[in-house]
């Protein structure tokens, strides 16, 4: 009985981690609340974070000022020379 419970718990944990739809709730709103960025910047950041759910989760745990810094760095790297 113990192994069945552990197996089910492990199975559920793997499903949660492997879920491609694991985009954190409020991600888009969090990005759009960062003033000073163009829609193209926010759109690209959002697409990147959706494609990289671990980064999205980490981003959502950042304080507001750190989110600003992260997006500014991301934009400067992706839009350099434009």
Protein backbone atom coordinates (compact mmCIF):
# COMPACT_ATOMS: atom_id res chain seq x y z
CA UNK A 1 0.00 0.00 0.00
CA UNK A 2 2.85 2.39 0.87
CA UNK A 3 4.52 1.94 -2.52
CA UNK A 4 1.29 2.62 -4.35
CA UNK A 5 0.85 5.91 -2.48
CA UNK A 6 4.47 6.92 -3.10
CA UNK A 7 4.15 5.91 -6.74
CA UNK A 8 1.00 7.97 -7.18
CA UNK A 9 2.60 10.97 -5.47
CA UNK A 10 5.67 10.70 -7.66
CA UNK A 11 3.52 10.31 -10.76
CA UNK A 12 1.50 13.41 -9.87
CA UNK A 13 4.66 15.42 -9.20
CA UNK A 14 6.13 14.43 -12.58
CA UNK A 15 2.91 15.42 -14.33
CA UNK A 16 2.96 18.81 -12.64
CA UNK A 17 6.58 19.47 -13.59
CA UNK A 18 6.17 18.20 -17.13
CA UNK A 19 3.01 20.20 -17.77
CA UNK A 20 3.73 22.41 -20.81
CA UNK A 21 0.88 24.69 -19.76
CA UNK A 22 2.57 25.54 -16.49
CA UNK A 23 2.73 29.26 -17.26
CA UNK A 24 2.41 31.08 -13.95
CA UNK A 25 -0.89 32.80 -13.43
CA UNK A 26 -0.61 36.56 -13.82
CA UNK A 27 2.56 36.47 -15.93
CA UNK A 28 1.23 38.73 -18.70
CA UNK A 29 -0.26 41.17 -16.21
CA UNK A 30 3.03 41.27 -14.34
CA UNK A 31 4.86 42.17 -17.55
CA UNK A 32 2.35 44.79 -18.66
CA UNK A 33 2.62 46.51 -15.27
CA UNK A 34 6.26 47.30 -16.04
CA UNK A 35 6.08 50.77 -17.53
CA UNK A 36 8.61 52.09 -20.03
CA UNK A 37 8.69 49.14 -22.41
CA UNK A 38 7.12 48.94 -25.85
CA UNK A 39 4.50 46.33 -26.68
CA UNK A 40 7.04 44.48 -28.84
CA UNK A 41 9.38 44.20 -25.86
CA UNK A 42 6.69 42.84 -23.55
CA UNK A 43 5.43 40.48 -26.25
CA UNK A 44 8.89 39.01 -26.82
CA UNK A 45 9.54 38.68 -23.07
CA UNK A 46 6.21 36.95 -22.62
CA UNK A 47 6.87 34.52 -25.50
CA UNK A 48 10.29 33.71 -24.07
CA UNK A 49 8.94 33.10 -20.57
CA UNK A 50 6.07 30.93 -21.83
CA UNK A 51 8.59 28.84 -23.76
CA UNK A 52 10.74 28.59 -20.62
CA UNK A 53 8.37 27.85 -17.70
CA UNK A 54 11.17 27.55 -15.14
CA UNK A 55 12.36 31.05 -16.00
CA UNK A 56 8.75 32.27 -15.86
CA UNK A 57 8.33 30.87 -12.36
CA UNK A 58 11.58 32.46 -11.22
CA UNK A 59 10.57 35.77 -12.82
CA UNK A 60 7.24 35.76 -11.00
CA UNK A 61 9.05 35.35 -7.67
CA UNK A 62 11.22 38.42 -8.22
CA UNK A 63 10.46 41.69 -6.45
CA UNK A 64 9.11 44.44 -8.75
CA UNK A 65 12.44 46.28 -9.12
CA UNK A 66 14.22 43.06 -10.06
CA UNK A 67 11.56 42.34 -12.69
CA UNK A 68 12.29 45.76 -14.19
CA UNK A 69 16.00 44.95 -14.27
CA UNK A 70 15.40 41.50 -15.79
CA UNK A 71 13.21 42.87 -18.58
CA UNK A 72 15.59 45.77 -19.27
CA UNK A 73 18.50 43.34 -19.62
CA UNK A 74 16.44 40.98 -21.78
CA UNK A 75 15.38 43.84 -24.07
CA UNK A 76 18.90 45.24 -24.35
CA UNK A 77 20.21 41.80 -25.36
CA UNK A 78 17.43 41.02 -27.84
CA UNK A 79 17.08 44.47 -29.38
CA UNK A 80 20.72 45.55 -29.46
CA UNK A 81 21.63 47.50 -32.58
CA UNK A 82 18.10 48.64 -33.34
